[in-house]
Amino acid sequence: NWQLRSFEVGYWGRTQYLGAGLISEGVAALVSYALDNLMANRVFLTMDERNLASQRLAERVGHDRMSIQGGLRNTRVYSIIGT
């Protein structure tokens, strides 16, 4: 959302590359770009609540858990706030 300067980063990785740090590096770069160049107020990551690896990734790149959104399957929402 350009008006609110609120952005979401999404990602998808192949299982053969799990643990290589490629997704973490890419997400960190995109979050940094959004905060530094787009002047983002907030950057979100969302994932299925059963995806523990994505939850760890979100925390590793500095995001805080915000909420759990209910639905067909629960979704966890993590965010980092710009300065």
PDB file of N, CA and C in Angstrom:
ATOM      1  N   ASN A   1       0.846  -1.166   0.000  1.00  0.00           N
ATOM      2  CA  ASN A   1       0.000   0.000   0.000  1.00  0.00           C
ATOM      3  C   ASN A   1       0.895   1.233   0.000  1.00  0.00           C
ATOM      4  N   TRP A   2       0.946   1.918  -1.118  1.00  0.00           N
ATOM      5  CA  TRP A   2       1.839   3.075  -1.241  1.00  0.00           C
ATOM      6  C   TRP A   2       1.420   4.220  -0.331  1.00  0.00           C
ATOM      7  N   GLN A   3       0.113   4.423  -0.136  1.00  0.00           N
ATOM      8  CA  GLN A   3      -0.335   5.527   0.711  1.00  0.00           C
ATOM      9  C   GLN A   3       0.106   5.340   2.156  1.00  0.00           C
ATOM     10  N   LEU A   4      -0.001   4.129   2.652  1.00  0.00           N
ATOM     11  CA  LEU A   4       0.393   3.848   4.037  1.00  0.00           C
ATOM     12  C   LEU A   4       1.867   3.481   4.148  1.00  0.00           C
ATOM     13  N   ARG A   5       2.522   3.316   3.014  1.00  0.00           N
ATOM     14  CA  ARG A   5       3.916   2.844   2.964  1.00  0.00           C
ATOM     15  C   ARG A   5       4.052   1.519   3.734  1.00  0.00           C
ATOM     16  N   SER A   6       3.145   0.626   3.422  1.00  0.00           N
ATOM     17  CA  SER A   6       3.111  -0.694   4.044  1.00  0.00           C
ATOM     18  C   SER A   6       3.254  -1.736   2.941  1.00  0.00           C
ATOM     19  N   PHE A   7       4.242  -2.625   3.078  1.00  0.00           N
ATOM     20  CA  PHE A   7       4.560  -3.573   2.014  1.00  0.00           C
ATOM     21  C   PHE A   7       4.674  -4.985   2.569  1.00  0.00           C
ATOM     22  N   GLU A   8       4.446  -5.950   1.695  1.00  0.00           N
ATOM     23  CA  GLU A   8       4.583  -7.354   2.081  1.00  0.00           C
ATOM     24  C   GLU A   8       5.627  -8.009   1.194  1.00  0.00           C
ATOM     25  N   VAL A   9       6.480  -8.825   1.799  1.00  0.00           N
ATOM     26  CA  VAL A   9       7.473  -9.599   1.059  1.00  0.00           C
ATOM     27  C   VAL A   9       7.008 -11.049   1.060  1.00  0.00           C
ATOM     28  N   GLY A  10       6.960 -11.645  -0.110  1.00  0.00           N
ATOM     29  CA  GLY A  10       6.607 -13.051  -0.236  1.00  0.00           C
ATOM     30  C   GLY A  10       7.773 -13.821  -0.835  1.00  0.00           C
ATOM     31  N   TYR A  11       7.798 -15.106  -0.600  1.00  0.00           N
ATOM     32  CA  TYR A  11       8.902 -15.924  -1.115  1.00  0.00           C
ATOM     33  C   TYR A  11       8.449 -17.363  -1.248  1.00  0.00           C
ATOM     34  N   TRP A  12       9.159 -18.078  -2.076  1.00  0.00           N
ATOM     35  CA  TRP A  12       8.898 -19.498  -2.297  1.00  0.00           C
ATOM     36  C   TRP A  12      10.231 -20.119  -2.639  1.00  0.00           C
ATOM     37  N   GLY A  13      10.581 -21.196  -1.991  1.00  0.00           N
ATOM     38  CA  GLY A  13      11.871 -21.821  -2.256  1.00  0.00           C
ATOM     39  C   GLY A  13      11.739 -23.305  -2.546  1.00  0.00           C
ATOM     40  N   ARG A  14      12.674 -23.816  -3.290  1.00  0.00           N
ATOM     41  CA  ARG A  14      12.711 -25.252  -3.578  1.00  0.00           C
ATOM     42  C   ARG A  14      13.313 -25.983  -2.393  1.00  0.00           C
ATOM     43  N   THR A  15      12.760 -27.139  -2.072  1.00  0.00           N
ATOM     44  CA  THR A  15      13.224 -27.885  -0.902  1.00  0.00           C
ATOM     45  C   THR A  15      14.686 -28.293  -1.015  1.00  0.00           C
ATOM     46  N   GLN A  16      15.193 -28.474  -2.214  1.00  0.00           N
ATOM     47  CA  GLN A  16      16.591 -28.879  -2.366  1.00  0.00           C
ATOM     48  C   GLN A  16      17.560 -27.798  -1.891  1.00  0.00           C
ATOM     49  N   TYR A  17      17.076 -26.554  -1.754  1.00  0.00           N
ATOM     50  CA  TYR A  17      17.944 -25.464  -1.310  1.00  0.00           C
ATOM     51  C   TYR A  17      17.682 -25.041   0.131  1.00  0.00           C
ATOM     52  N   LEU A  18      16.837 -25.780   0.841  1.00  0.00           N
ATOM     53  CA  LEU A  18      16.554 -25.436   2.235  1.00  0.00           C
ATOM     54  C   LEU A  18      17.836 -25.437   3.052  1.00  0.00           C
ATOM     55  N   GLY A  19      17.968 -24.452   3.906  1.00  0.00           N
ATOM     56  CA  GLY A  19      19.127 -24.381   4.787  1.00  0.00           C
ATOM     57  C   GLY A  19      20.332 -23.706   4.177  1.00  0.00           C
ATOM     58  N   ALA A  20      20.248 -23.306   2.913  1.00  0.00           N
ATOM     59  CA  ALA A  20      21.387 -22.660   2.255  1.00  0.00           C
ATOM     60  C   ALA A  20      21.444 -21.163   2.543  1.00  0.00           C
ATOM     61  N   GLY A  21      20.395 -20.609   3.137  1.00  0.00           N
ATOM     62  CA  GLY A  21      20.382 -19.185   3.470  1.00  0.00           C
ATOM     63  C   GLY A  21      19.967 -18.278   2.326  1.00  0.00           C
ATOM     64  N   LEU A  22      19.588 -18.850   1.191  1.00  0.00           N
ATOM     65  CA  LEU A  22      19.231 -18.036   0.029  1.00  0.00           C
ATOM     66  C   LEU A  22      17.972 -17.214   0.271  1.00  0.00           C
ATOM     67  N   ILE A  23      16.952 -17.831   0.854  1.00  0.00           N
ATOM     68  CA  ILE A  23      15.707 -17.112   1.122  1.00  0.00           C
ATOM     69  C   ILE A  23      15.941 -16.040   2.178  1.00  0.00           C
ATOM     70  N   SER A  24      16.669 -16.368   3.230  1.00  0.00           N
ATOM     71  CA  SER A  24      16.963 -15.376   4.277  1.00  0.00           C
ATOM     72  C   SER A  24      17.678 -14.172   3.690  1.00  0.00           C
ATOM     73  N   GLU A  25      18.662 -14.432   2.844  1.00  0.00           N
ATOM     74  CA  GLU A  25      19.426 -13.341   2.228  1.00  0.00           C
ATOM     75  C   GLU A  25      18.529 -12.484   1.335  1.00  0.00           C
ATOM     76  N   GLY A  26      17.689 -13.134   0.537  1.00  0.00           N
ATOM     77  CA  GLY A  26      16.793 -12.397  -0.345  1.00  0.00           C
ATOM     78  C   GLY A  26      15.761 -11.586   0.412  1.00  0.00           C
ATOM     79  N   VAL A  27      15.155 -12.183   1.433  1.00  0.00           N
ATOM     80  CA  VAL A  27      14.154 -11.470   2.234  1.00  0.00           C
ATOM     81  C   VAL A  27      14.801 -10.288   2.947  1.00  0.00           C
ATOM     82  N   ALA A  28      15.961 -10.492   3.537  1.00  0.00           N
ATOM     83  CA  ALA A  28      16.659  -9.399   4.229  1.00  0.00           C
ATOM     84  C   ALA A  28      16.952  -8.252   3.266  1.00  0.00           C
ATOM     85  N   ALA A  29      17.371  -8.570   2.041  1.00  0.00           N
ATOM     86  CA  ALA A  29      17.670  -7.532   1.050  1.00  0.00           C
ATOM     87  C   ALA A  29      16.408  -6.768   0.650  1.00  0.00           C
ATOM     88  N   LEU A  30      15.302  -7.482   0.436  1.00  0.00           N
ATOM     89  CA  LEU A  30      14.054  -6.819   0.059  1.00  0.00           C
ATOM     90  C   LEU A  30      13.509  -5.950   1.187  1.00  0.00           C
ATOM     91  N   VAL A  31      13.592  -6.448   2.411  1.00  0.00           N
ATOM     92  CA  VAL A  31      13.129  -5.666   3.563  1.00  0.00           C
ATOM     93  C   VAL A  31      13.980  -4.409   3.711  1.00  0.00           C
ATOM     94  N   SER A  32      15.280  -4.564   3.587  1.00  0.00           N
ATOM     95  CA  SER A  32      16.188  -3.422   3.677  1.00  0.00           C
ATOM     96  C   SER A  32      15.876  -2.394   2.589  1.00  0.00           C
ATOM     97  N   TYR A  33      15.635  -2.862   1.379  1.00  0.00           N
ATOM     98  CA  TYR A  33      15.302  -1.959   0.277  1.00  0.00           C
ATOM     99  C   TYR A  33      14.007  -1.205   0.575  1.00  0.00           C
ATOM    100  N   ALA A  34      12.995  -1.919   1.055  1.00  0.00           N
ATOM    101  CA  ALA A  34      11.712  -1.278   1.359  1.00  0.00           C
ATOM    102  C   ALA A  34      11.864  -0.214   2.442  1.00  0.00           C
ATOM    103  N   LEU A  35      12.637  -0.525   3.477  1.00  0.00           N
ATOM    104  CA  LEU A  35      12.817   0.428   4.573  1.00  0.00           C
ATOM    105  C   LEU A  35      13.678   1.615   4.159  1.00  0.00           C
ATOM    106  N   ASP A  36      14.760   1.351   3.436  1.00  0.00           N
ATOM    107  CA  ASP A  36      15.728   2.402   3.114  1.00  0.00           C
ATOM    108  C   ASP A  36      15.369   3.216   1.879  1.00  0.00           C
ATOM    109  N   ASN A  37      14.820   2.575   0.858  1.00  0.00           N
ATOM    110  CA  ASN A  37      14.577   3.266  -0.403  1.00  0.00           C
ATOM    111  C   ASN A  37      13.119   3.636  -0.630  1.00  0.00           C
ATOM    112  N   LEU A  38      12.210   2.815  -0.160  1.00  0.00           N
ATOM    113  CA  LEU A  38      10.787   3.104  -0.320  1.00  0.00           C
ATOM    114  C   LEU A  38      10.216   3.806   0.899  1.00  0.00           C
ATOM    115  N   MET A  39      11.054   3.999   1.909  1.00  0.00           N
ATOM    116  CA  MET A  39      10.651   4.654   3.156  1.00  0.00           C
ATOM    117  C   MET A  39       9.430   3.979   3.775  1.00  0.00           C
ATOM    118  N   ALA A  40       9.451   2.651   3.785  1.00  0.00           N
ATOM    119  CA  ALA A  40       8.334   1.869   4.319  1.00  0.00           C
ATOM    120  C   ALA A  40       8.130   2.153   5.800  1.00  0.00           C
ATOM    121  N   ASN A  41       6.876   2.263   6.193  1.00  0.00           N
ATOM    122  CA  ASN A  41       6.534   2.360   7.608  1.00  0.00           C
ATOM    123  C   ASN A  41       6.478   0.977   8.239  1.00  0.00           C
ATOM    124  N   ARG A  42       6.123  -0.024   7.411  1.00  0.00           N
ATOM    125  CA  ARG A  42       5.985  -1.387   7.914  1.00  0.00           C
ATOM    126  C   ARG A  42       6.188  -2.356   6.755  1.00  0.00           C
ATOM    127  N   VAL A  43       6.873  -3.465   7.043  1.00  0.00           N
ATOM    128  CA  VAL A  43       7.044  -4.529   6.051  1.00  0.00           C
ATOM    129  C   VAL A  43       6.552  -5.823   6.686  1.00  0.00           C
ATOM    130  N   PHE A  44       5.621  -6.487   6.017  1.00  0.00           N
ATOM    131  CA  PHE A  44       4.989  -7.701   6.528  1.00  0.00           C
ATOM    132  C   PHE A  44       5.553  -8.953   5.881  1.00  0.00           C
ATOM    133  N   LEU A  45       5.533 -10.035   6.633  1.00  0.00           N
ATOM    134  CA  LEU A  45       5.729 -11.386   6.119  1.00  0.00           C
ATOM    135  C   LEU A  45       4.563 -12.203   6.657  1.00  0.00           C
ATOM    136  N   THR A  46       3.945 -13.018   5.842  1.00  0.00           N
ATOM    137  CA  THR A  46       2.868 -13.888   6.310  1.00  0.00           C
ATOM    138  C   THR A  46       3.183 -15.325   5.924  1.00  0.00           C
ATOM    139  N   MET A  47       2.764 -16.249   6.785  1.00  0.00           N
ATOM    140  CA  MET A  47       2.999 -17.668   6.502  1.00  0.00           C
ATOM    141  C   MET A  47       1.990 -18.523   7.250  1.00  0.00           C
ATOM    142  N   ASP A  48       1.804 -19.734   6.766  1.00  0.00           N
ATOM    143  CA  ASP A  48       0.958 -20.703   7.448  1.00  0.00           C
ATOM    144  C   ASP A  48       1.541 -20.948   8.837  1.00  0.00           C
ATOM    145  N   GLU A  49       0.675 -21.059   9.835  1.00  0.00           N
ATOM    146  CA  GLU A  49       1.180 -21.223  11.200  1.00  0.00           C
ATOM    147  C   GLU A  49       1.952 -22.522  11.392  1.00  0.00           C
ATOM    148  N   ARG A  50       1.803 -23.478  10.473  1.00  0.00           N
ATOM    149  CA  ARG A  50       2.547 -24.735  10.581  1.00  0.00           C
ATOM    150  C   ARG A  50       3.939 -24.648   9.957  1.00  0.00           C
ATOM    151  N   ASN A  51       4.235 -23.538   9.297  1.00  0.00           N
ATOM    152  CA  ASN A  51       5.519 -23.379   8.625  1.00  0.00           C
ATOM    153  C   ASN A  51       6.536 -22.789   9.610  1.00  0.00           C
ATOM    154  N   LEU A  52       7.109 -23.648  10.422  1.00  0.00           N
ATOM    155  CA  LEU A  52       8.035 -23.203  11.469  1.00  0.00           C
ATOM    156  C   LEU A  52       9.306 -22.599  10.894  1.00  0.00           C
ATOM    157  N   ALA A  53       9.777 -23.104   9.757  1.00  0.00           N
ATOM    158  CA  ALA A  53      10.987 -22.553   9.142  1.00  0.00           C
ATOM    159  C   ALA A  53      10.769 -21.098   8.737  1.00  0.00           C
ATOM    160  N   SER A  54       9.598 -20.772   8.202  1.00  0.00           N
ATOM    161  CA  SER A  54       9.313 -19.388   7.823  1.00  0.00           C
ATOM    162  C   SER A  54       9.160 -18.495   9.047  1.00  0.00           C
ATOM    163  N   GLN A  55       8.625 -19.042  10.128  1.00  0.00           N
ATOM    164  CA  GLN A  55       8.525 -18.249  11.353  1.00  0.00           C
ATOM    165  C   GLN A  55       9.921 -17.913  11.872  1.00  0.00           C
ATOM    166  N   ARG A  56      10.818 -18.896  11.837  1.00  0.00           N
ATOM    167  CA  ARG A  56      12.200 -18.645  12.276  1.00  0.00           C
ATOM    168  C   ARG A  56      12.886 -17.638  11.358  1.00  0.00           C
ATOM    169  N   LEU A  57      12.632 -17.747  10.059  1.00  0.00           N
ATOM    170  CA  LEU A  57      13.211 -16.800   9.111  1.00  0.00           C
ATOM    171  C   LEU A  57      12.745 -15.383   9.434  1.00  0.00           C
ATOM    172  N   ALA A  58      11.448 -15.207   9.660  1.00  0.00           N
ATOM    173  CA  ALA A  58      10.900 -13.883   9.972  1.00  0.00           C
ATOM    174  C   ALA A  58      11.587 -13.288  11.196  1.00  0.00           C
ATOM    175  N   GLU A  59      11.779 -14.095  12.212  1.00  0.00           N
ATOM    176  CA  GLU A  59      12.441 -13.610  13.422  1.00  0.00           C
ATOM    177  C   GLU A  59      13.921 -13.329  13.165  1.00  0.00           C
ATOM    178  N   ARG A  60      14.545 -14.162  12.346  1.00  0.00           N
ATOM    179  CA  ARG A  60      15.971 -13.996  12.042  1.00  0.00           C
ATOM    180  C   ARG A  60      16.245 -12.679  11.308  1.00  0.00           C
ATOM    181  N   VAL A  61      15.310 -12.233  10.462  1.00  0.00           N
ATOM    182  CA  VAL A  61      15.518 -10.992   9.721  1.00  0.00           C
ATOM    183  C   VAL A  61      14.900  -9.787  10.436  1.00  0.00           C
ATOM    184  N   GLY A  62      14.575  -9.955  11.734  1.00  0.00           N
ATOM    185  CA  GLY A  62      14.197  -8.822  12.567  1.00  0.00           C
ATOM    186  C   GLY A  62      12.721  -8.525  12.704  1.00  0.00           C
ATOM    187  N   HIS A  63      11.851  -9.390  12.212  1.00  0.00           N
ATOM    188  CA  HIS A  63      10.413  -9.156  12.320  1.00  0.00           C
ATOM    189  C   HIS A  63       9.883  -9.659  13.661  1.00  0.00           C
ATOM    190  N   ASP A  64       8.823  -9.019  14.124  1.00  0.00           N
ATOM    191  CA  ASP A  64       8.124  -9.424  15.342  1.00  0.00           C
ATOM    192  C   ASP A  64       6.773 -10.007  14.963  1.00  0.00           C
ATOM    193  N   ARG A  65       6.345 -11.037  15.694  1.00  0.00           N
ATOM    194  CA  ARG A  65       5.027 -11.619  15.429  1.00  0.00           C
ATOM    195  C   ARG A  65       3.961 -10.627  15.847  1.00  0.00           C
ATOM    196  N   MET A  66       3.021 -10.377  14.960  1.00  0.00           N
ATOM    197  CA  MET A  66       1.947  -9.430  15.230  1.00  0.00           C
ATOM    198  C   MET A  66       0.653 -10.126  15.589  1.00  0.00           C
ATOM    199  N   SER A  67       0.252 -11.098  14.773  1.00  0.00           N
ATOM    200  CA  SER A  67      -1.074 -11.680  14.962  1.00  0.00           C
ATOM    201  C   SER A  67      -1.170 -13.031  14.275  1.00  0.00           C
ATOM    202  N   ILE A  68      -2.271 -13.684  14.549  1.00  0.00           N
ATOM    203  CA  ILE A  68      -2.653 -14.894  13.833  1.00  0.00           C
ATOM    204  C   ILE A  68      -4.011 -14.606  13.219  1.00  0.00           C
ATOM    205  N   GLN A  69      -4.114 -14.760  11.907  1.00  0.00           N
ATOM    206  CA  GLN A  69      -5.374 -14.539  11.214  1.00  0.00           C
ATOM    207  C   GLN A  69      -6.032 -15.886  10.974  1.00  0.00           C
ATOM    208  N   GLY A  70      -7.241 -16.037  11.471  1.00  0.00           N
ATOM    209  CA  GLY A  70      -7.967 -17.289  11.301  1.00  0.00           C
ATOM    210  C   GLY A  70      -8.594 -17.397   9.921  1.00  0.00           C
ATOM    211  N   GLY A  71      -8.925 -18.581   9.563  1.00  0.00           N
ATOM    212  CA  GLY A  71      -9.541 -18.838   8.267  1.00  0.00           C
ATOM    213  C   GLY A  71      -9.551 -20.334   8.044  1.00  0.00           C
ATOM    214  N   LEU A  72      -9.512 -20.731   6.791  1.00  0.00           N
ATOM    215  CA  LEU A  72      -9.435 -22.150   6.482  1.00  0.00           C
ATOM    216  C   LEU A  72      -8.224 -22.749   7.178  1.00  0.00           C
ATOM    217  N   ARG A  73      -7.113 -22.023   7.115  1.00  0.00           N
ATOM    218  CA  ARG A  73      -5.905 -22.372   7.877  1.00  0.00           C
ATOM    219  C   ARG A  73      -5.383 -21.086   8.496  1.00  0.00           C
ATOM    220  N   ASN A  74      -4.851 -21.177   9.699  1.00  0.00           N
ATOM    221  CA  ASN A  74      -4.347 -19.995  10.373  1.00  0.00           C
ATOM    222  C   ASN A  74      -3.078 -19.482   9.703  1.00  0.00           C
ATOM    223  N   THR A  75      -2.983 -18.168   9.627  1.00  0.00           N
ATOM    224  CA  THR A  75      -1.829 -17.499   9.046  1.00  0.00           C
ATOM    225  C   THR A  75      -1.174 -16.640  10.106  1.00  0.00           C
ATOM    226  N   ARG A  76       0.122 -16.758  10.252  1.00  0.00           N
ATOM    227  CA  ARG A  76       0.863 -15.893  11.169  1.00  0.00           C
ATOM    228  C   ARG A  76       1.347 -14.672  10.405  1.00  0.00           C
ATOM    229  N   VAL A  77       1.289 -13.520  11.065  1.00  0.00           N
ATOM    230  CA  VAL A  77       1.724 -12.268  10.462  1.00  0.00           C
ATOM    231  C   VAL A  77       2.868 -11.710  11.298  1.00  0.00           C
ATOM    232  N   TYR A  78       3.977 -11.437  10.645  1.00  0.00           N
ATOM    233  CA  TYR A  78       5.142 -10.825  11.278  1.00  0.00           C
ATOM    234  C   TYR A  78       5.390  -9.491  10.594  1.00  0.00           C
ATOM    235  N   SER A  79       5.936  -8.524  11.330  1.00  0.00           N
ATOM    236  CA  SER A  79       6.252  -7.248  10.686  1.00  0.00           C
ATOM    237  C   SER A  79       7.463  -6.605  11.334  1.00  0.00           C
ATOM    238  N   ILE A  80       8.029  -5.689  10.585  1.00  0.00           N
ATOM    239  CA  ILE A  80       9.096  -4.836  11.091  1.00  0.00           C
ATOM    240  C   ILE A  80       8.648  -3.414  10.790  1.00  0.00           C
ATOM    241  N   ILE A  81       8.909  -2.510  11.704  1.00  0.00           N
ATOM    242  CA  ILE A  81       8.462  -1.131  11.568  1.00  0.00           C
ATOM    243  C   ILE A  81       9.655  -0.266  11.195  1.00  0.00           C
ATOM    244  N   GLY A  82       9.459   0.601  10.202  1.00  0.00           N
ATOM    245  CA  GLY A  82      10.510   1.520   9.785  1.00  0.00           C
ATOM    246  C   GLY A  82      10.699   2.632  10.798  1.00  0.00           C
ATOM    247  N   THR A  83      11.812   3.310  10.674  1.00  0.00           N
ATOM    248  CA  THR A  83      12.111   4.408  11.608  1.00  0.00           C
ATOM    249  C   THR A  83      11.861   5.753  10.987  1.00  0.00           C
TER     250      THR A  83
END
